[in-house]
C-alpha atoms as a PDB file:
ATOM      1  CA  UNK A   1     -34.499   6.650  52.426  1.00  0.00           C
ATOM      2  CA  UNK A   2     -32.743   3.402  51.653  1.00  0.00           C
ATOM      3  CA  UNK A   3     -29.098   2.952  52.398  1.00  0.00           C
ATOM      4  CA  UNK A   4     -27.576   2.634  48.933  1.00  0.00           C
ATOM      5  CA  UNK A   5     -24.857   0.401  50.233  1.00  0.00           C
ATOM      6  CA  UNK A   6     -27.363  -2.183  51.462  1.00  0.00           C
ATOM      7  CA  UNK A   7     -29.360  -2.122  48.229  1.00  0.00           C
ATOM      8  CA  UNK A   8     -26.285  -2.932  46.152  1.00  0.00           C
ATOM      9  CA  UNK A   9     -26.201  -6.048  44.006  1.00  0.00           C
ATOM     10  CA  UNK A  10     -27.303  -9.222  45.707  1.00  0.00           C
ATOM     11  CA  UNK A  11     -25.408 -11.475  43.328  1.00  0.00           C
ATOM     12  CA  UNK A  12     -23.116 -11.486  40.332  1.00  0.00           C
ATOM     13  CA  UNK A  13     -25.969 -10.962  37.823  1.00  0.00           C
ATOM     14  CA  UNK A  14     -28.720  -9.104  39.696  1.00  0.00           C
ATOM     15  CA  UNK A  15     -28.989  -5.616  38.255  1.00  0.00           C
ATOM     16  CA  UNK A  16     -25.556  -5.813  36.623  1.00  0.00           C
ATOM     17  CA  UNK A  17     -26.716  -3.919  33.547  1.00  0.00           C
ATOM     18  CA  UNK A  18     -27.260  -0.912  35.849  1.00  0.00           C
ATOM     19  CA  UNK A  19     -23.947  -1.283  37.652  1.00  0.00           C
ATOM     20  CA  UNK A  20     -21.373   1.214  36.364  1.00  0.00           C
ATOM     21  CA  UNK A  21     -18.469  -1.099  37.179  1.00  0.00           C
ATOM     22  CA  UNK A  22     -20.058  -3.894  35.122  1.00  0.00           C
ATOM     23  CA  UNK A  23     -21.497  -1.892  32.226  1.00  0.00           C
ATOM     24  CA  UNK A  24     -18.755   0.724  31.821  1.00  0.00           C
ATOM     25  CA  UNK A  25     -15.666  -0.597  33.645  1.00  0.00           C
ATOM     26  CA  UNK A  26     -13.175   1.687  31.898  1.00  0.00           C
ATOM     27  CA  UNK A  27     -15.229   4.873  32.272  1.00  0.00           C
ATOM     28  CA  UNK A  28     -15.601   5.163  28.502  1.00  0.00           C
ATOM     29  CA  UNK A  29     -19.166   6.528  28.791  1.00  0.00           C
ATOM     30  CA  UNK A  30     -19.487   7.943  32.294  1.00  0.00           C
ATOM     31  CA  UNK A  31     -16.947  10.338  33.765  1.00  0.00           C
ATOM     32  CA  UNK A  32     -16.408   9.218  37.340  1.00  0.00           C
ATOM     33  CA  UNK A  33     -14.066  12.032  38.339  1.00  0.00           C
ATOM     34  CA  UNK A  34     -14.944  13.159  41.844  1.00  0.00           C
ATOM     35  CA  UNK A  35     -17.334  10.248  42.488  1.00  0.00           C
ATOM     36  CA  UNK A  36     -16.780   8.195  45.607  1.00  0.00           C
ATOM     37  CA  UNK A  37     -17.647   4.515  45.887  1.00  0.00           C
ATOM     38  CA  UNK A  38     -20.796   5.583  47.785  1.00  0.00           C
ATOM     39  CA  UNK A  39     -21.732   7.990  44.970  1.00  0.00           C
ATOM     40  CA  UNK A  40     -21.381   5.195  42.415  1.00  0.00           C
ATOM     41  CA  UNK A  41     -23.416   2.819  44.599  1.00  0.00           C
ATOM     42  CA  UNK A  42     -26.177   5.443  44.868  1.00  0.00           C
ATOM     43  CA  UNK A  43     -26.121   6.056  41.111  1.00  0.00           C
ATOM     44  CA  UNK A  44     -26.396   2.300  40.529  1.00  0.00           C
ATOM     45  CA  UNK A  45     -29.325   2.139  42.978  1.00  0.00           C
ATOM     46  CA  UNK A  46     -31.129   5.008  41.233  1.00  0.00           C
ATOM     47  CA  UNK A  47     -30.674   3.349  37.850  1.00  0.00           C
ATOM     48  CA  UNK A  48     -32.031   0.039  39.213  1.00  0.00           C
ATOM     49  CA  UNK A  49     -34.990   1.869  40.760  1.00  0.00           C
ATOM     50  CA  UNK A  50     -35.756   3.549  37.411  1.00  0.00           C
ATOM     51  CA  UNK A  51     -35.604   0.164  35.691  1.00  0.00           C
ATOM     52  CA  UNK A  52     -37.946  -1.314  38.302  1.00  0.00           C
ATOM     53  CA  UNK A  53     -40.365   1.586  37.779  1.00  0.00           C
ATOM     54  CA  UNK A  54     -40.297   1.116  33.989  1.00  0.00           C
ATOM     55  CA  UNK A  55     -40.912  -2.614  34.398  1.00  0.00           C
ATOM     56  CA  UNK A  56     -43.815  -2.029  36.806  1.00  0.00           C
ATOM     57  CA  UNK A  57     -45.338   0.585  34.464  1.00  0.00           C
ATOM     58  CA  UNK A  58     -45.015  -1.782  31.496  1.00  0.00           C
ATOM     59  CA  UNK A  59     -46.553  -4.674  33.427  1.00  0.00           C
ATOM     60  CA  UNK A  60     -49.413  -2.440  34.596  1.00  0.00           C
ATOM     61  CA  UNK A  61     -50.085  -1.137  31.085  1.00  0.00           C
ATOM     62  CA  UNK A  62     -50.125  -4.652  29.656  1.00  0.00           C
ATOM     63  CA  UNK A  63     -52.439  -5.920  32.404  1.00  0.00           C
ATOM     64  CA  UNK A  64     -54.792  -2.972  31.888  1.00  0.00           C
ATOM     65  CA  UNK A  65     -54.871  -3.568  28.148  1.00  0.00           C
ATOM     66  CA  UNK A  66     -55.618  -7.275  28.661  1.00  0.00           C
ATOM     67  CA  UNK A  67     -58.343  -6.510  31.225  1.00  0.00           C
ATOM     68  CA  UNK A  68     -60.032  -3.909  29.037  1.00  0.00           C
ATOM     69  CA  UNK A  69     -59.218  -5.880  25.844  1.00  0.00           C
ATOM     70  CA  UNK A  70     -57.812  -2.736  24.224  1.00  0.00           C
ATOM     71  CA  UNK A  71     -54.642  -1.522  22.521  1.00  0.00           C
ATOM     72  CA  UNK A  72     -52.301   1.068  24.043  1.00  0.00           C
ATOM     73  CA  UNK A  73     -53.641   3.881  21.845  1.00  0.00           C
ATOM     74  CA  UNK A  74     -57.207   2.881  22.732  1.00  0.00           C
ATOM     75  CA  UNK A  75     -56.322   3.146  26.423  1.00  0.00           C
ATOM     76  CA  UNK A  76     -54.689   6.544  25.923  1.00  0.00           C
ATOM     77  CA  UNK A  77     -57.787   7.734  24.065  1.00  0.00           C
ATOM     78  CA  UNK A  78     -60.122   6.604  26.834  1.00  0.00           C
ATOM     79  CA  UNK A  79     -57.925   8.247  29.464  1.00  0.00           C
ATOM     80  CA  UNK A  80     -57.997  11.498  27.503  1.00  0.00           C
ATOM     81  CA  UNK A  81     -61.795  11.286  27.165  1.00  0.00           C
ATOM     82  CA  UNK A  82     -62.110  10.795  30.935  1.00  0.00           C
ATOM     83  CA  UNK A  83     -59.902  13.850  31.549  1.00  0.00           C
ATOM     84  CA  UNK A  84     -61.928  15.979  29.146  1.00  0.00           C
ATOM     85  CA  UNK A  85     -65.163  14.745  30.720  1.00  0.00           C
ATOM     86  CA  UNK A  86     -63.848  15.721  34.154  1.00  0.00           C
ATOM     87  CA  UNK A  87     -62.836  19.199  32.967  1.00  0.00           C
ATOM     88  CA  UNK A  88     -65.952  19.887  30.886  1.00  0.00           C
ATOM     89  CA  UNK A  89     -64.050  19.940  27.588  1.00  0.00           C
ATOM     90  CA  UNK A  90     -66.108  18.756  24.623  1.00  0.00           C
ATOM     91  CA  UNK A  91     -64.094  15.997  22.995  1.00  0.00           C
ATOM     92  CA  UNK A  92     -64.068  15.869  19.197  1.00  0.00           C
ATOM     93  CA  UNK A  93     -62.317  13.496  16.815  1.00  0.00           C
ATOM     94  CA  UNK A  94     -59.900  16.217  15.667  1.00  0.00           C
ATOM     95  CA  UNK A  95     -59.074  17.207  19.245  1.00  0.00           C
ATOM     96  CA  UNK A  96     -58.436  13.554  20.093  1.00  0.00           C
ATOM     97  CA  UNK A  97     -56.240  13.088  17.013  1.00  0.00           C
ATOM     98  CA  UNK A  98     -54.071  16.039  18.082  1.00  0.00           C
ATOM     99  CA  UNK A  99     -53.873  14.832  21.689  1.00  0.00           C
ATOM    100  CA  UNK A 100     -52.773  11.347  20.596  1.00  0.00           C
ATOM    101  CA  UNK A 101     -50.556  12.536  17.738  1.00  0.00           C
ATOM    102  CA  UNK A 102     -52.288  10.335  15.162  1.00  0.00           C
ATOM    103  CA  UNK A 103     -53.795  10.986  11.734  1.00  0.00           C
ATOM    104  CA  UNK A 104     -57.484  11.558  11.116  1.00  0.00           C
ATOM    105  CA  UNK A 105     -57.688   8.184   9.314  1.00  0.00           C
ATOM    106  CA  UNK A 106     -56.163   6.427  12.336  1.00  0.00           C
ATOM    107  CA  UNK A 107     -58.533   8.332  14.602  1.00  0.00           C
ATOM    108  CA  UNK A 108     -61.529   7.157  12.580  1.00  0.00           C
ATOM    109  CA  UNK A 109     -60.378   3.528  12.877  1.00  0.00           C
ATOM    110  CA  UNK A 110     -59.753   4.016  16.604  1.00  0.00           C
ATOM    111  CA  UNK A 111     -63.203   5.519  17.150  1.00  0.00           C
ATOM    112  CA  UNK A 112     -64.857   2.771  15.091  1.00  0.00           C
ATOM    113  CA  UNK A 113     -63.136   0.148  17.287  1.00  0.00           C
ATOM    114  CA  UNK A 114     -64.058   1.878  20.540  1.00  0.00           C
ATOM    115  CA  UNK A 115     -67.639   2.468  19.464  1.00  0.00           C
ATOM    116  CA  UNK A 116     -68.064  -1.146  18.270  1.00  0.00           C
ATOM    117  CA  UNK A 117     -66.761  -2.299  21.671  1.00  0.00           C
ATOM    118  CA  UNK A 118     -69.308  -0.139  23.483  1.00  0.00           C
ATOM    119  CA  UNK A 119     -66.620   2.120  24.968  1.00  0.00           C
ATOM    120  CA  UNK A 120     -67.803   5.410  23.514  1.00  0.00           C
ATOM    121  CA  UNK A 121     -70.565   7.139  21.610  1.00  0.00           C
ATOM    122  CA  UNK A 122     -70.393   9.736  18.862  1.00  0.00           C
ATOM    123  CA  UNK A 123     -73.029  12.413  19.368  1.00  0.00           C
ATOM    124  CA  UNK A 124     -73.879  15.693  17.668  1.00  0.00           C
ATOM    125  CA  UNK A 125     -71.693  18.530  18.955  1.00  0.00           C
ATOM    126  CA  UNK A 126     -73.780  20.928  21.071  1.00  0.00           C
ATOM    127  CA  UNK A 127     -72.554  24.086  19.304  1.00  0.00           C
ATOM    128  CA  UNK A 128     -70.923  23.032  16.015  1.00  0.00           C
ATOM    129  CA  UNK A 129     -73.217  21.250  13.556  1.00  0.00           C
ATOM    130  CA  UNK A 130     -70.231  20.054  11.506  1.00  0.00           C
ATOM    131  CA  UNK A 131     -68.530  18.301  14.425  1.00  0.00           C
ATOM    132  CA  UNK A 132     -69.176  15.284  16.566  1.00  0.00           C
ATOM    133  CA  UNK A 133     -68.782  15.072  20.328  1.00  0.00           C
ATOM    134  CA  UNK A 134     -67.247  11.950  21.835  1.00  0.00           C
ATOM    135  CA  UNK A 135     -68.576  10.504  25.084  1.00  0.00           C
ATOM    136  CA  UNK A 136     -67.071   7.607  26.982  1.00  0.00           C
ATOM    137  CA  UNK A 137     -69.618   5.021  28.115  1.00  0.00           C
ATOM    138  CA  UNK A 138     -70.475   4.901  31.806  1.00  0.00           C
ATOM    139  CA  UNK A 139     -69.456   1.214  31.972  1.00  0.00           C
ATOM    140  CA  UNK A 140     -66.038   1.847  30.429  1.00  0.00           C
ATOM    141  CA  UNK A 141     -65.461   4.904  32.598  1.00  0.00           C
ATOM    142  CA  UNK A 142     -66.310   2.908  35.739  1.00  0.00           C
ATOM    143  CA  UNK A 143     -64.027   0.016  34.719  1.00  0.00           C
ATOM    144  CA  UNK A 144     -61.171   2.415  33.908  1.00  0.00           C
ATOM    145  CA  UNK A 145     -61.566   4.251  37.202  1.00  0.00           C
ATOM    146  CA  UNK A 146     -61.681   0.975  39.156  1.00  0.00           C
ATOM    147  CA  UNK A 147     -58.501  -0.357  37.523  1.00  0.00           C
ATOM    148  CA  UNK A 148     -56.266   2.255  35.915  1.00  0.00           C
ATOM    149  CA  UNK A 149     -57.584   5.053  38.115  1.00  0.00           C
ATOM    150  CA  UNK A 150     -56.840   3.063  41.254  1.00  0.00           C
ATOM    151  CA  UNK A 151     -53.267   2.531  40.038  1.00  0.00           C
ATOM    152  CA  UNK A 152     -52.902   6.265  39.393  1.00  0.00           C
ATOM    153  CA  UNK A 153     -54.110   6.954  42.927  1.00  0.00           C
ATOM    154  CA  UNK A 154     -51.335   4.670  44.229  1.00  0.00           C
ATOM    155  CA  UNK A 155     -48.779   6.704  42.293  1.00  0.00           C
ATOM    156  CA  UNK A 156     -50.157   9.860  43.886  1.00  0.00           C
ATOM    157  CA  UNK A 157     -49.926   8.216  47.313  1.00  0.00           C
ATOM    158  CA  UNK A 158     -46.208   7.587  46.750  1.00  0.00           C
ATOM    159  CA  UNK A 159     -45.725  11.251  45.832  1.00  0.00           C
ATOM    160  CA  UNK A 160     -47.778  12.397  48.845  1.00  0.00           C
ATOM    161  CA  UNK A 161     -45.349  10.621  51.171  1.00  0.00           C
ATOM    162  CA  UNK A 162     -42.552  12.929  50.009  1.00  0.00           C
ATOM    163  CA  UNK A 163     -41.905  16.265  51.648  1.00  0.00           C
ATOM    164  CA  UNK A 164     -42.284  19.352  49.451  1.00  0.00           C
ATOM    165  CA  UNK A 165     -38.493  19.681  49.171  1.00  0.00           C
ATOM    166  CA  UNK A 166     -38.173  15.998  48.218  1.00  0.00           C
ATOM    167  CA  UNK A 167     -40.835  16.508  45.529  1.00  0.00           C
ATOM    168  CA  UNK A 168     -38.817  19.421  44.145  1.00  0.00           C
ATOM    169  CA  UNK A 169     -35.724  17.196  43.958  1.00  0.00           C
ATOM    170  CA  UNK A 170     -37.678  14.419  42.221  1.00  0.00           C
ATOM    171  CA  UNK A 171     -39.223  16.875  39.747  1.00  0.00           C
ATOM    172  CA  UNK A 172     -35.824  18.370  38.928  1.00  0.00           C
ATOM    173  CA  UNK A 173     -34.288  14.902  38.553  1.00  0.00           C
ATOM    174  CA  UNK A 174     -37.039  13.539  36.300  1.00  0.00           C
ATOM    175  CA  UNK A 175     -37.063  16.653  34.113  1.00  0.00           C
ATOM    176  CA  UNK A 176     -33.267  16.510  33.824  1.00  0.00           C
ATOM    177  CA  UNK A 177     -33.360  12.776  33.021  1.00  0.00           C
ATOM    178  CA  UNK A 178     -36.039  13.339  30.355  1.00  0.00           C
ATOM    179  CA  UNK A 179     -33.948  16.102  28.788  1.00  0.00           C
ATOM    180  CA  UNK A 180     -30.818  13.921  28.839  1.00  0.00           C
ATOM    181  CA  UNK A 181     -32.464  10.994  27.058  1.00  0.00           C
ATOM    182  CA  UNK A 182     -34.769  12.959  24.722  1.00  0.00           C
ATOM    183  CA  UNK A 183     -34.552  12.073  21.045  1.00  0.00           C
ATOM    184  CA  UNK A 184     -33.027  15.472  20.347  1.00  0.00           C
ATOM    185  CA  UNK A 185     -29.727  13.816  21.204  1.00  0.00           C
ATOM    186  CA  UNK A 186     -29.768  11.482  18.193  1.00  0.00           C
ATOM    187  CA  UNK A 187     -26.292  12.663  17.163  1.00  0.00           C
ATOM    188  CA  UNK A 188     -25.187   9.806  19.446  1.00  0.00           C
ATOM    189  CA  UNK A 189     -26.700   7.356  16.937  1.00  0.00           C
ATOM    190  CA  UNK A 190     -24.735   8.378  13.848  1.00  0.00           C
END
């Protein structure tokens, strides 16, 4: 583990938006009762680390989209098709629409784009004559596995380096953070 004290700000601007003393000097938003200077330094370090992770994820997503010449939804669709191919699930347009949370019209446009680009094929469903089955092309699957898949493997490697108890702490933290910032808390916006 890093010593939070040594990973504190390196200058007057670096990471200041994640520094409680700089972003909330009067404690208007964050109750600091019972927090030591070390606690605050660790909280600042965690917030900077989350920001660095978000930035790395964004940069990776943008690079993947540029490499594959696809939009974010296209990439999500291809990832879902790879997962279903790996698990033996027969992918259909309606199943994909539900997985991506998009309308059937948007799904049709998405599939048209992916098919025109040679990324997938629409085939007759093996057991439902009214449905189509979606299959990712071997070339696209190989490119996705070589790029995006390799990045996912690196994420897994980082998790593997944790002990089981550390993984439990990280899981609890990330689930708690997701619950704290979920859009169900929009009362803050009115």
